C-alpha atoms as a PDB file:
ATOM      1  CA  UNK A   1       0.025   0.003   0.008  1.00  0.00           C
ATOM      2  CA  UNK A   2       1.246   3.459  -0.998  1.00  0.00           C
ATOM      3  CA  UNK A   3       0.067   6.273   1.098  1.00  0.00           C
ATOM      4  CA  UNK A   4       0.273   9.907   0.470  1.00  0.00           C
ATOM      5  CA  UNK A   5      -0.336  12.039   3.778  1.00  0.00           C
ATOM      6  CA  UNK A   6      -0.706  15.890   3.207  1.00  0.00           C
ATOM      7  CA  UNK A   7       0.425  18.074   6.243  1.00  0.00           C
ATOM      8  CA  UNK A   8       2.194  14.629   7.502  1.00  0.00           C
ATOM      9  CA  UNK A   9       4.911  17.027   9.107  1.00  0.00           C
ATOM     10  CA  UNK A  10       2.382  18.252  11.321  1.00  0.00           C
ATOM     11  CA  UNK A  11       1.333  17.413  15.131  1.00  0.00           C
ATOM     12  CA  UNK A  12      -1.376  14.628  14.139  1.00  0.00           C
ATOM     13  CA  UNK A  13       0.167  13.900  10.646  1.00  0.00           C
ATOM     14  CA  UNK A  14       3.555  12.909  12.137  1.00  0.00           C
ATOM     15  CA  UNK A  15       1.862  10.163  14.673  1.00  0.00           C
ATOM     16  CA  UNK A  16      -0.206   8.836  11.609  1.00  0.00           C
ATOM     17  CA  UNK A  17       2.942   8.551   9.241  1.00  0.00           C
ATOM     18  CA  UNK A  18       4.813   6.400  12.406  1.00  0.00           C
ATOM     19  CA  UNK A  19       1.460   4.119  12.506  1.00  0.00           C
ATOM     20  CA  UNK A  20       1.411   3.705   8.853  1.00  0.00           C
ATOM     21  CA  UNK A  21       4.940   3.041   8.523  1.00  0.00           C
ATOM     22  CA  UNK A  22       4.446   0.421  11.339  1.00  0.00           C
ATOM     23  CA  UNK A  23       1.541  -1.255   9.098  1.00  0.00           C
ATOM     24  CA  UNK A  24       4.167  -1.729   6.271  1.00  0.00           C
ATOM     25  CA  UNK A  25       2.848   1.312   3.948  1.00  0.00           C
ATOM     26  CA  UNK A  26       4.989   3.230   1.748  1.00  0.00           C
ATOM     27  CA  UNK A  27       4.328   6.736   2.815  1.00  0.00           C
ATOM     28  CA  UNK A  28       4.944  10.267   0.941  1.00  0.00           C
ATOM     29  CA  UNK A  29       4.546  12.984   3.091  1.00  0.00           C
ATOM     30  CA  UNK A  30       3.714  16.331   1.309  1.00  0.00           C
ATOM     31  CA  UNK A  31       4.106  19.567   3.572  1.00  0.00           C
ATOM     32  CA  UNK A  32       5.180  23.338   3.195  1.00  0.00           C
ATOM     33  CA  UNK A  33       6.469  23.170   6.657  1.00  0.00           C
ATOM     34  CA  UNK A  34       4.552  26.368   7.396  1.00  0.00           C
ATOM     35  CA  UNK A  35       3.209  25.186  10.628  1.00  0.00           C
ATOM     36  CA  UNK A  36       4.780  21.252  10.822  1.00  0.00           C
ATOM     37  CA  UNK A  37       8.254  20.393  11.422  1.00  0.00           C
ATOM     38  CA  UNK A  38      10.493  18.085   9.418  1.00  0.00           C
ATOM     39  CA  UNK A  39      11.806  17.277  13.333  1.00  0.00           C
ATOM     40  CA  UNK A  40       8.325  15.548  13.728  1.00  0.00           C
ATOM     41  CA  UNK A  41       9.342  12.905  11.565  1.00  0.00           C
ATOM     42  CA  UNK A  42      12.821  12.096  13.213  1.00  0.00           C
ATOM     43  CA  UNK A  43      11.809   8.766  14.490  1.00  0.00           C
ATOM     44  CA  UNK A  44      11.098   8.130  10.597  1.00  0.00           C
ATOM     45  CA  UNK A  45      13.864   9.508   9.104  1.00  0.00           C
ATOM     46  CA  UNK A  46      15.803   6.601   8.179  1.00  0.00           C
ATOM     47  CA  UNK A  47      12.955   4.575   7.065  1.00  0.00           C
ATOM     48  CA  UNK A  48      13.554   3.855   3.633  1.00  0.00           C
ATOM     49  CA  UNK A  49       9.929   3.534   2.965  1.00  0.00           C
ATOM     50  CA  UNK A  50       9.569   7.241   3.536  1.00  0.00           C
ATOM     51  CA  UNK A  51       9.587   9.891   1.381  1.00  0.00           C
ATOM     52  CA  UNK A  52       9.141  13.741   2.140  1.00  0.00           C
ATOM     53  CA  UNK A  53       7.964  16.172  -0.674  1.00  0.00           C
ATOM     54  CA  UNK A  54       8.388  19.996   0.104  1.00  0.00           C
ATOM     55  CA  UNK A  55       5.747  21.821  -0.991  1.00  0.00           C
ATOM     56  CA  UNK A  56       2.174  23.331  -1.039  1.00  0.00           C
ATOM     57  CA  UNK A  57      -1.387  21.754  -1.593  1.00  0.00           C
ATOM     58  CA  UNK A  58      -1.773  25.167  -3.350  1.00  0.00           C
ATOM     59  CA  UNK A  59       0.051  24.057  -6.372  1.00  0.00           C
ATOM     60  CA  UNK A  60      -1.860  21.575  -8.267  1.00  0.00           C
ATOM     61  CA  UNK A  61       1.227  20.199 -10.033  1.00  0.00           C
ATOM     62  CA  UNK A  62       2.911  19.495  -6.800  1.00  0.00           C
ATOM     63  CA  UNK A  63      -0.131  17.799  -5.262  1.00  0.00           C
ATOM     64  CA  UNK A  64      -0.459  15.532  -8.821  1.00  0.00           C
ATOM     65  CA  UNK A  65       3.145  14.565  -8.554  1.00  0.00           C
ATOM     66  CA  UNK A  66       3.247  13.475  -4.554  1.00  0.00           C
ATOM     67  CA  UNK A  67       0.281  11.332  -5.340  1.00  0.00           C
ATOM     68  CA  UNK A  68       1.734   9.646  -8.435  1.00  0.00           C
ATOM     69  CA  UNK A  69       1.147   5.924  -7.630  1.00  0.00           C
ATOM     70  CA  UNK A  70      -0.332   6.587  -4.382  1.00  0.00           C
ATOM     71  CA  UNK A  71      -3.628   4.173  -3.452  1.00  0.00           C
ATOM     72  CA  UNK A  72      -4.960   6.593  -0.878  1.00  0.00           C
ATOM     73  CA  UNK A  73      -4.452   9.752   0.868  1.00  0.00           C
ATOM     74  CA  UNK A  74      -5.076  11.055   4.304  1.00  0.00           C
ATOM     75  CA  UNK A  75      -5.659  14.841   3.781  1.00  0.00           C
ATOM     76  CA  UNK A  76      -4.563  16.423   6.967  1.00  0.00           C
ATOM     77  CA  UNK A  77      -2.989  19.904   5.528  1.00  0.00           C
ATOM     78  CA  UNK A  78      -4.693  22.875   6.545  1.00  0.00           C
ATOM     79  CA  UNK A  79      -4.295  26.287   8.295  1.00  0.00           C
ATOM     80  CA  UNK A  80      -4.901  25.538  12.105  1.00  0.00           C
ATOM     81  CA  UNK A  81      -4.891  27.207  15.207  1.00  0.00           C
ATOM     82  CA  UNK A  82      -7.464  29.920  16.502  1.00  0.00           C
ATOM     83  CA  UNK A  83      -4.639  32.292  16.701  1.00  0.00           C
ATOM     84  CA  UNK A  84      -3.299  31.794  13.015  1.00  0.00           C
ATOM     85  CA  UNK A  85      -6.834  31.801  11.576  1.00  0.00           C
ATOM     86  CA  UNK A  86      -7.922  35.107  13.318  1.00  0.00           C
ATOM     87  CA  UNK A  87      -4.749  36.793  12.307  1.00  0.00           C
ATOM     88  CA  UNK A  88      -4.543  35.570   8.834  1.00  0.00           C
ATOM     89  CA  UNK A  89      -7.878  34.551   7.663  1.00  0.00           C
ATOM     90  CA  UNK A  90      -7.205  35.171   3.968  1.00  0.00           C
ATOM     91  CA  UNK A  91      -4.315  32.658   4.133  1.00  0.00           C
ATOM     92  CA  UNK A  92      -6.746  30.180   6.020  1.00  0.00           C
ATOM     93  CA  UNK A  93      -9.587  30.366   3.356  1.00  0.00           C
ATOM     94  CA  UNK A  94      -7.286  29.667   0.620  1.00  0.00           C
ATOM     95  CA  UNK A  95      -5.023  26.612   2.155  1.00  0.00           C
ATOM     96  CA  UNK A  96      -8.314  25.051   3.269  1.00  0.00           C
ATOM     97  CA  UNK A  97     -10.364  25.651   0.556  1.00  0.00           C
ATOM     98  CA  UNK A  98      -8.255  25.966  -2.737  1.00  0.00           C
ATOM     99  CA  UNK A  99      -5.951  23.250  -1.343  1.00  0.00           C
ATOM    100  CA  UNK A 100      -8.296  20.745  -0.339  1.00  0.00           C
ATOM    101  CA  UNK A 101      -9.950  20.662  -3.847  1.00  0.00           C
ATOM    102  CA  UNK A 102      -6.769  20.588  -5.363  1.00  0.00           C
ATOM    103  CA  UNK A 103      -6.423  17.188  -3.229  1.00  0.00           C
ATOM    104  CA  UNK A 104      -9.459  16.019  -4.258  1.00  0.00           C
ATOM    105  CA  UNK A 105      -9.345  16.624  -7.922  1.00  0.00           C
ATOM    106  CA  UNK A 106      -5.752  15.041  -7.910  1.00  0.00           C
ATOM    107  CA  UNK A 107      -7.270  11.832  -5.960  1.00  0.00           C
ATOM    108  CA  UNK A 108      -9.877  11.493  -8.595  1.00  0.00           C
ATOM    109  CA  UNK A 109      -7.014  11.506 -11.489  1.00  0.00           C
ATOM    110  CA  UNK A 110      -5.326   9.159  -9.705  1.00  0.00           C
ATOM    111  CA  UNK A 111      -8.129   6.829  -8.608  1.00  0.00           C
ATOM    112  CA  UNK A 112      -6.754   7.204  -4.871  1.00  0.00           C
ATOM    113  CA  UNK A 113      -9.293   6.715  -2.096  1.00  0.00           C
ATOM    114  CA  UNK A 114      -9.363   9.787   0.644  1.00  0.00           C
ATOM    115  CA  UNK A 115      -9.802  10.405   4.084  1.00  0.00           C
ATOM    116  CA  UNK A 116     -10.390  14.155   4.925  1.00  0.00           C
ATOM    117  CA  UNK A 117      -9.658  15.417   8.242  1.00  0.00           C
ATOM    118  CA  UNK A 118     -12.189  17.893   9.536  1.00  0.00           C
ATOM    119  CA  UNK A 119     -12.886  19.638  12.738  1.00  0.00           C
ATOM    120  CA  UNK A 120     -15.474  20.121  15.714  1.00  0.00           C
ATOM    121  CA  UNK A 121     -15.264  23.871  14.981  1.00  0.00           C
ATOM    122  CA  UNK A 122     -17.982  22.976  12.062  1.00  0.00           C
ATOM    123  CA  UNK A 123     -20.378  22.882  14.480  1.00  0.00           C
ATOM    124  CA  UNK A 124     -19.858  26.215  15.551  1.00  0.00           C
ATOM    125  CA  UNK A 125     -21.854  27.576  18.750  1.00  0.00           C
ATOM    126  CA  UNK A 126     -24.048  24.670  18.761  1.00  0.00           C
ATOM    127  CA  UNK A 127     -23.717  23.518  22.863  1.00  0.00           C
ATOM    128  CA  UNK A 128     -25.915  20.574  22.455  1.00  0.00           C
ATOM    129  CA  UNK A 129     -25.378  17.390  25.264  1.00  0.00           C
ATOM    130  CA  UNK A 130     -23.698  15.183  22.623  1.00  0.00           C
ATOM    131  CA  UNK A 131     -22.766  16.388  19.016  1.00  0.00           C
ATOM    132  CA  UNK A 132     -24.022  14.038  16.621  1.00  0.00           C
ATOM    133  CA  UNK A 133     -22.478  14.195  12.962  1.00  0.00           C
ATOM    134  CA  UNK A 134     -25.860  15.122  11.660  1.00  0.00           C
ATOM    135  CA  UNK A 135     -26.155  17.949  14.610  1.00  0.00           C
ATOM    136  CA  UNK A 136     -27.152  21.619  13.094  1.00  0.00           C
ATOM    137  CA  UNK A 137     -24.209  24.034  12.468  1.00  0.00           C
ATOM    138  CA  UNK A 138     -24.550  27.571  14.443  1.00  0.00           C
ATOM    139  CA  UNK A 139     -22.005  29.786  13.193  1.00  0.00           C
ATOM    140  CA  UNK A 140     -21.362  33.551  14.040  1.00  0.00           C
ATOM    141  CA  UNK A 141     -21.090  36.527  11.437  1.00  0.00           C
ATOM    142  CA  UNK A 142     -19.364  35.307   8.480  1.00  0.00           C
ATOM    143  CA  UNK A 143     -17.493  38.970   8.657  1.00  0.00           C
ATOM    144  CA  UNK A 144     -15.858  37.975  11.944  1.00  0.00           C
ATOM    145  CA  UNK A 145     -12.190  36.110  11.288  1.00  0.00           C
ATOM    146  CA  UNK A 146     -13.245  33.768  14.057  1.00  0.00           C
ATOM    147  CA  UNK A 147     -15.655  32.059  11.734  1.00  0.00           C
ATOM    148  CA  UNK A 148     -13.511  31.680   8.574  1.00  0.00           C
ATOM    149  CA  UNK A 149     -11.744  28.390   9.804  1.00  0.00           C
ATOM    150  CA  UNK A 150     -15.527  26.900  10.632  1.00  0.00           C
ATOM    151  CA  UNK A 151     -16.869  28.033   7.352  1.00  0.00           C
ATOM    152  CA  UNK A 152     -13.700  26.961   5.107  1.00  0.00           C
ATOM    153  CA  UNK A 153     -13.876  23.352   6.921  1.00  0.00           C
ATOM    154  CA  UNK A 154     -17.725  23.091   6.029  1.00  0.00           C
ATOM    155  CA  UNK A 155     -17.095  23.902   2.393  1.00  0.00           C
ATOM    156  CA  UNK A 156     -14.270  21.168   2.373  1.00  0.00           C
ATOM    157  CA  UNK A 157     -16.763  18.499   3.862  1.00  0.00           C
ATOM    158  CA  UNK A 158     -19.091  19.877   0.876  1.00  0.00           C
ATOM    159  CA  UNK A 159     -16.729  19.409  -1.327  1.00  0.00           C
ATOM    160  CA  UNK A 160     -15.643  15.748  -0.386  1.00  0.00           C
ATOM    161  CA  UNK A 161     -19.436  14.925  -0.388  1.00  0.00           C
ATOM    162  CA  UNK A 162     -20.020  16.462  -3.687  1.00  0.00           C
ATOM    163  CA  UNK A 163     -16.766  14.609  -5.343  1.00  0.00           C
ATOM    164  CA  UNK A 164     -18.183  11.480  -3.992  1.00  0.00           C
ATOM    165  CA  UNK A 165     -21.811  11.501  -5.107  1.00  0.00           C
ATOM    166  CA  UNK A 166     -21.059  13.009  -8.475  1.00  0.00           C
ATOM    167  CA  UNK A 167     -17.447  12.095  -9.424  1.00  0.00           C
ATOM    168  CA  UNK A 168     -17.189   8.698  -7.612  1.00  0.00           C
ATOM    169  CA  UNK A 169     -14.641   9.352  -5.262  1.00  0.00           C
ATOM    170  CA  UNK A 170     -14.082   7.123  -2.423  1.00  0.00           C
ATOM    171  CA  UNK A 171     -14.147   9.607   0.317  1.00  0.00           C
ATOM    172  CA  UNK A 172     -14.501   9.887   4.279  1.00  0.00           C
ATOM    173  CA  UNK A 173     -14.490  12.819   6.675  1.00  0.00           C
ATOM    174  CA  UNK A 174     -13.492  12.793  10.250  1.00  0.00           C
ATOM    175  CA  UNK A 175     -13.948  15.486  12.763  1.00  0.00           C
ATOM    176  CA  UNK A 176     -11.272  15.655  15.253  1.00  0.00           C
ATOM    177  CA  UNK A 177     -12.444  17.261  18.616  1.00  0.00           C
ATOM    178  CA  UNK A 178      -9.387  18.697  20.476  1.00  0.00           C
ATOM    179  CA  UNK A 179      -6.812  15.963  19.505  1.00  0.00           C
ATOM    180  CA  UNK A 180      -3.871  16.553  22.278  1.00  0.00           C
ATOM    181  CA  UNK A 181      -0.411  14.651  22.611  1.00  0.00           C
ATOM    182  CA  UNK A 182       3.486  15.022  22.139  1.00  0.00           C
ATOM    183  CA  UNK A 183       4.723  17.046  19.056  1.00  0.00           C
ATOM    184  CA  UNK A 184       1.708  19.503  19.290  1.00  0.00           C
ATOM    185  CA  UNK A 185       2.945  23.290  19.646  1.00  0.00           C
ATOM    186  CA  UNK A 186       1.227  26.032  21.522  1.00  0.00           C
ATOM    187  CA  UNK A 187       2.303  28.421  18.856  1.00  0.00           C
ATOM    188  CA  UNK A 188      -0.977  28.623  17.185  1.00  0.00           C
ATOM    189  CA  UNK A 189      -3.083  28.751  20.267  1.00  0.00           C
ATOM    190  CA  UNK A 190      -3.495  25.339  21.481  1.00  0.00           C
ATOM    191  CA  UNK A 191      -4.424  25.338  24.856  1.00  0.00           C
ATOM    192  CA  UNK A 192      -3.000  22.131  26.388  1.00  0.00           C
ATOM    193  CA  UNK A 193       0.648  22.536  25.323  1.00  0.00           C
ATOM    194  CA  UNK A 194       0.671  26.394  25.922  1.00  0.00           C
ATOM    195  CA  UNK A 195      -0.752  25.470  29.647  1.00  0.00           C
ATOM    196  CA  UNK A 196       1.667  22.536  30.077  1.00  0.00           C
ATOM    197  CA  UNK A 197       4.634  24.960  28.759  1.00  0.00           C
ATOM    198  CA  UNK A 198       3.655  27.726  31.404  1.00  0.00           C
ATOM    199  CA  UNK A 199       3.557  25.051  34.229  1.00  0.00           C
ATOM    200  CA  UNK A 200       7.123  23.874  33.215  1.00  0.00           C
ATOM    201  CA  UNK A 201       8.167  27.119  33.508  1.00  0.00           C
ATOM    202  CA  UNK A 202       6.667  28.204  36.966  1.00  0.00           C
ATOM    203  CA  UNK A 203       4.772  30.790  35.055  1.00  0.00           C
ATOM    204  CA  UNK A 204       0.815  31.634  35.647  1.00  0.00           C
ATOM    205  CA  UNK A 205      -1.681  29.418  33.632  1.00  0.00           C
ATOM    206  CA  UNK A 206      -3.426  31.643  31.395  1.00  0.00           C
ATOM    207  CA  UNK A 207      -6.996  30.774  31.182  1.00  0.00           C
ATOM    208  CA  UNK A 208      -9.399  32.692  28.622  1.00  0.00           C
ATOM    209  CA  UNK A 209     -12.345  34.343  29.989  1.00  0.00           C
ATOM    210  CA  UNK A 210     -14.041  32.843  32.747  1.00  0.00           C
ATOM    211  CA  UNK A 211     -12.629  29.320  32.200  1.00  0.00           C
ATOM    212  CA  UNK A 212     -15.943  27.556  32.439  1.00  0.00           C
ATOM    213  CA  UNK A 213     -16.002  26.817  28.712  1.00  0.00           C
ATOM    214  CA  UNK A 214     -15.590  23.048  28.295  1.00  0.00           C
ATOM    215  CA  UNK A 215     -13.906  20.644  25.672  1.00  0.00           C
ATOM    216  CA  UNK A 216     -13.181  16.982  25.310  1.00  0.00           C
ATOM    217  CA  UNK A 217      -9.694  16.148  24.695  1.00  0.00           C
ATOM    218  CA  UNK A 218      -8.397  12.904  22.861  1.00  0.00           C
ATOM    219  CA  UNK A 219      -5.160  11.667  23.094  1.00  0.00           C
ATOM    220  CA  UNK A 220      -3.676  11.227  19.701  1.00  0.00           C
ATOM    221  CA  UNK A 221      -2.514   7.676  20.160  1.00  0.00           C
ATOM    222  CA  UNK A 222      -6.388   6.938  20.475  1.00  0.00           C
ATOM    223  CA  UNK A 223      -7.226   8.606  17.444  1.00  0.00           C
ATOM    224  CA  UNK A 224      -4.744   7.977  14.783  1.00  0.00           C
ATOM    225  CA  UNK A 225      -5.331   4.163  14.647  1.00  0.00           C
ATOM    226  CA  UNK A 226      -8.923   4.901  14.353  1.00  0.00           C
ATOM    227  CA  UNK A 227      -8.036   7.051  11.060  1.00  0.00           C
ATOM    228  CA  UNK A 228      -6.545   4.042   9.376  1.00  0.00           C
ATOM    229  CA  UNK A 229      -9.543   1.946  10.304  1.00  0.00           C
ATOM    230  CA  UNK A 230     -12.110   4.214   8.870  1.00  0.00           C
ATOM    231  CA  UNK A 231     -10.216   4.940   5.832  1.00  0.00           C
ATOM    232  CA  UNK A 232     -10.160   1.513   4.819  1.00  0.00           C
ATOM    233  CA  UNK A 233     -13.659   0.677   5.819  1.00  0.00           C
ATOM    234  CA  UNK A 234     -16.061   0.683   2.326  1.00  0.00           C
ATOM    235  CA  UNK A 235     -18.970   1.473   5.104  1.00  0.00           C
ATOM    236  CA  UNK A 236     -17.259   5.002   5.541  1.00  0.00           C
ATOM    237  CA  UNK A 237     -17.737   5.936   2.162  1.00  0.00           C
ATOM    238  CA  UNK A 238     -19.197   9.602   2.093  1.00  0.00           C
ATOM    239  CA  UNK A 239     -19.700   9.696   5.657  1.00  0.00           C
ATOM    240  CA  UNK A 240     -18.548  11.890   8.223  1.00  0.00           C
ATOM    241  CA  UNK A 241     -17.481  10.639  11.999  1.00  0.00           C
ATOM    242  CA  UNK A 242     -16.586  12.282  15.184  1.00  0.00           C
ATOM    243  CA  UNK A 243     -13.534  11.452  16.964  1.00  0.00           C
ATOM    244  CA  UNK A 244     -13.157  13.037  20.525  1.00  0.00           C
ATOM    245  CA  UNK A 245     -12.744  12.279  24.117  1.00  0.00           C
ATOM    246  CA  UNK A 246     -15.093  11.070  26.588  1.00  0.00           C
ATOM    247  CA  UNK A 247     -14.604  13.407  29.492  1.00  0.00           C
ATOM    248  CA  UNK A 248     -16.007  16.765  29.547  1.00  0.00           C
ATOM    249  CA  UNK A 249     -13.679  19.503  31.396  1.00  0.00           C
ATOM    250  CA  UNK A 250     -13.664  23.198  31.735  1.00  0.00           C
ATOM    251  CA  UNK A 251     -10.224  24.958  30.681  1.00  0.00           C
ATOM    252  CA  UNK A 252     -10.377  26.247  34.306  1.00  0.00           C
ATOM    253  CA  UNK A 253     -10.390  22.304  35.775  1.00  0.00           C
ATOM    254  CA  UNK A 254      -7.963  21.647  33.002  1.00  0.00           C
ATOM    255  CA  UNK A 255      -5.363  24.259  34.176  1.00  0.00           C
ATOM    256  CA  UNK A 256      -5.837  23.013  37.798  1.00  0.00           C
ATOM    257  CA  UNK A 257      -5.307  19.346  36.890  1.00  0.00           C
ATOM    258  CA  UNK A 258      -2.128  20.410  34.672  1.00  0.00           C
ATOM    259  CA  UNK A 259      -0.761  22.354  38.120  1.00  0.00           C
ATOM    260  CA  UNK A 260      -1.519  19.178  40.262  1.00  0.00           C
ATOM    261  CA  UNK A 261      -0.500  16.699  37.815  1.00  0.00           C
ATOM    262  CA  UNK A 262       3.082  18.344  37.164  1.00  0.00           C
ATOM    263  CA  UNK A 263       3.676  19.478  40.701  1.00  0.00           C
ATOM    264  CA  UNK A 264       4.047  23.087  39.634  1.00  0.00           C
ATOM    265  CA  UNK A 265       4.340  26.150  41.575  1.00  0.00           C
ATOM    266  CA  UNK A 266       2.183  28.204  39.038  1.00  0.00           C
ATOM    267  CA  UNK A 267      -1.156  29.851  39.737  1.00  0.00           C
ATOM    268  CA  UNK A 268      -4.021  30.440  37.395  1.00  0.00           C
ATOM    269  CA  UNK A 269      -4.454  33.875  35.682  1.00  0.00           C
ATOM    270  CA  UNK A 270      -7.628  34.613  34.387  1.00  0.00           C
ATOM    271  CA  UNK A 271      -7.444  36.966  31.020  1.00  0.00           C
ATOM    272  CA  UNK A 272     -10.335  38.477  29.180  1.00  0.00           C
ATOM    273  CA  UNK A 273     -10.768  37.425  25.743  1.00  0.00           C
ATOM    274  CA  UNK A 274     -10.305  41.148  24.314  1.00  0.00           C
ATOM    275  CA  UNK A 275      -6.924  41.138  25.725  1.00  0.00           C
ATOM    276  CA  UNK A 276      -6.087  38.097  24.018  1.00  0.00           C
ATOM    277  CA  UNK A 277      -7.983  38.467  20.672  1.00  0.00           C
ATOM    278  CA  UNK A 278      -9.583  41.079  18.344  1.00  0.00           C
ATOM    279  CA  UNK A 279     -12.632  42.725  19.803  1.00  0.00           C
ATOM    280  CA  UNK A 280     -15.848  40.765  19.195  1.00  0.00           C
ATOM    281  CA  UNK A 281     -14.065  37.246  19.436  1.00  0.00           C
ATOM    282  CA  UNK A 282     -16.554  34.478  20.422  1.00  0.00           C
ATOM    283  CA  UNK A 283     -15.645  31.020  22.235  1.00  0.00           C
ATOM    284  CA  UNK A 284     -17.685  28.159  22.124  1.00  0.00           C
ATOM    285  CA  UNK A 285     -19.189  27.212  25.862  1.00  0.00           C
ATOM    286  CA  UNK A 286     -19.311  23.536  25.365  1.00  0.00           C
ATOM    287  CA  UNK A 287     -18.307  21.207  22.876  1.00  0.00           C
ATOM    288  CA  UNK A 288     -19.009  17.656  23.556  1.00  0.00           C
ATOM    289  CA  UNK A 289     -18.818  14.726  20.872  1.00  0.00           C
ATOM    290  CA  UNK A 290     -20.998  11.594  20.387  1.00  0.00           C
ATOM    291  CA  UNK A 291     -18.432   8.898  19.254  1.00  0.00           C
ATOM    292  CA  UNK A 292     -21.136   6.152  18.726  1.00  0.00           C
ATOM    293  CA  UNK A 293     -20.778   6.204  14.976  1.00  0.00           C
ATOM    294  CA  UNK A 294     -17.329   5.770  14.729  1.00  0.00           C
ATOM    295  CA  UNK A 295     -17.371   3.175  17.727  1.00  0.00           C
ATOM    296  CA  UNK A 296     -19.895   1.247  16.098  1.00  0.00           C
ATOM    297  CA  UNK A 297     -17.853   1.206  12.521  1.00  0.00           C
ATOM    298  CA  UNK A 298     -14.392   0.861  13.776  1.00  0.00           C
ATOM    299  CA  UNK A 299     -14.713   0.469  17.804  1.00  0.00           C
ATOM    300  CA  UNK A 300     -13.258   3.594  18.562  1.00  0.00           C
ATOM    301  CA  UNK A 301     -13.190   3.956  22.411  1.00  0.00           C
ATOM    302  CA  UNK A 302     -10.670   6.710  23.741  1.00  0.00           C
ATOM    303  CA  UNK A 303      -8.924   5.190  26.528  1.00  0.00           C
ATOM    304  CA  UNK A 304      -5.700   7.525  27.419  1.00  0.00           C
ATOM    305  CA  UNK A 305      -6.516   9.492  30.622  1.00  0.00           C
ATOM    306  CA  UNK A 306      -5.892  13.103  30.563  1.00  0.00           C
ATOM    307  CA  UNK A 307      -3.077  13.156  33.137  1.00  0.00           C
ATOM    308  CA  UNK A 308      -1.155  10.516  31.078  1.00  0.00           C
ATOM    309  CA  UNK A 309      -1.459  12.881  28.169  1.00  0.00           C
ATOM    310  CA  UNK A 310      -0.409  15.910  30.345  1.00  0.00           C
ATOM    311  CA  UNK A 311       2.939  13.978  31.645  1.00  0.00           C
ATOM    312  CA  UNK A 312       3.517  13.056  27.744  1.00  0.00           C
ATOM    313  CA  UNK A 313       3.267  16.562  26.790  1.00  0.00           C
ATOM    314  CA  UNK A 314       5.393  17.660  29.283  1.00  0.00           C
ATOM    315  CA  UNK A 315       7.908  15.060  28.540  1.00  0.00           C
ATOM    316  CA  UNK A 316       7.788  15.895  24.909  1.00  0.00           C
ATOM    317  CA  UNK A 317       8.363  19.602  25.691  1.00  0.00           C
ATOM    318  CA  UNK A 318      11.134  19.153  27.922  1.00  0.00           C
ATOM    319  CA  UNK A 319      12.944  16.989  25.300  1.00  0.00           C
ATOM    320  CA  UNK A 320      12.536  18.910  22.769  1.00  0.00           C
ATOM    321  CA  UNK A 321      13.600  22.226  24.231  1.00  0.00           C
ATOM    322  CA  UNK A 322      10.735  24.127  23.587  1.00  0.00           C
ATOM    323  CA  UNK A 323      10.125  25.758  26.754  1.00  0.00           C
ATOM    324  CA  UNK A 324      11.183  29.061  25.513  1.00  0.00           C
ATOM    325  CA  UNK A 325      10.561  28.768  21.876  1.00  0.00           C
ATOM    326  CA  UNK A 326       8.495  26.412  19.203  1.00  0.00           C
ATOM    327  CA  UNK A 327      11.244  27.520  16.494  1.00  0.00           C
ATOM    328  CA  UNK A 328      12.647  24.092  15.308  1.00  0.00           C
ATOM    329  CA  UNK A 329      15.220  23.647  12.706  1.00  0.00           C
ATOM    330  CA  UNK A 330      14.607  21.540   9.576  1.00  0.00           C
ATOM    331  CA  UNK A 331      15.744  17.824  10.193  1.00  0.00           C
ATOM    332  CA  UNK A 332      17.075  15.279   7.333  1.00  0.00           C
ATOM    333  CA  UNK A 333      14.454  12.671   6.385  1.00  0.00           C
ATOM    334  CA  UNK A 334      14.907   9.327   4.527  1.00  0.00           C
ATOM    335  CA  UNK A 335      14.344  10.964   1.040  1.00  0.00           C
ATOM    336  CA  UNK A 336      13.321  14.182   0.379  1.00  0.00           C
ATOM    337  CA  UNK A 337      12.052  15.949  -2.833  1.00  0.00           C
ATOM    338  CA  UNK A 338      11.379  19.661  -3.582  1.00  0.00           C
ATOM    339  CA  UNK A 339       8.601  20.663  -5.833  1.00  0.00           C
ATOM    340  CA  UNK A 340       8.262  24.296  -6.911  1.00  0.00           C
END
């Protein structure tokens, strides 16, 4: 099996690459390293079945070249992170919409199957007890950059479904809910690595708003195997699946648990949204996934405890010396192609 992973040098993508190599796949990674890092692939760097293509999904020829002879595609490349999306909405729209269409079009030409990663952000402000895949999307003002990511990923899903129905593309969609773990950077506003880094440095843990907004964090080691199982299950054709954690926790509780787990001297500091983001920023008060559909399909079950993930993230930050900066030099991978 030859597999293309777009965004394979990112947090989730690099863990997926490791998993696919363990399964025996030949793996091609397409990444422009704008938010990912080749260092994330250090463990796989000497594997002769790994090939790295340095390029952007916005370049149609780059995508076609990377996809040559591939049987399947895991499409993870995207502009991610609330901070990045709010600050650079146009870049996010271009990558998440035009880039995705390039990938889907190339997959049709190559007759490759696709698993497209989407996000719980598509549900917007829906605070239902448990969000099902057919739950309503409740989004804010489209002129606010806060909602461009949710809007773009919703369009991505619509593209995937249309390509499935009209062009016969073998495609499935997964919506991730706050996936966390080693290699995740806090550079773009990811809450858990940011708070863990602050705790390790003994700094105040900054919690935005009143801290009562709740999330369900899912460990990357629980999520990644489910991605591969969903991709190769023919019942997933044209469907979307939630993959999230089982425990609902407020961000204020998360900060306290991090301090306790790491035995940190840090305190918690409440920061108004207006101080952290532009005026008018909206956050979701609650986001809880219903994982039933993925469980019924592939047996998905979040098993890793949050305290275990906190320790693993802390160990990773310490080992990679990223307490002061997330900047990382480019590491050498087994085979590297540059495509303009």
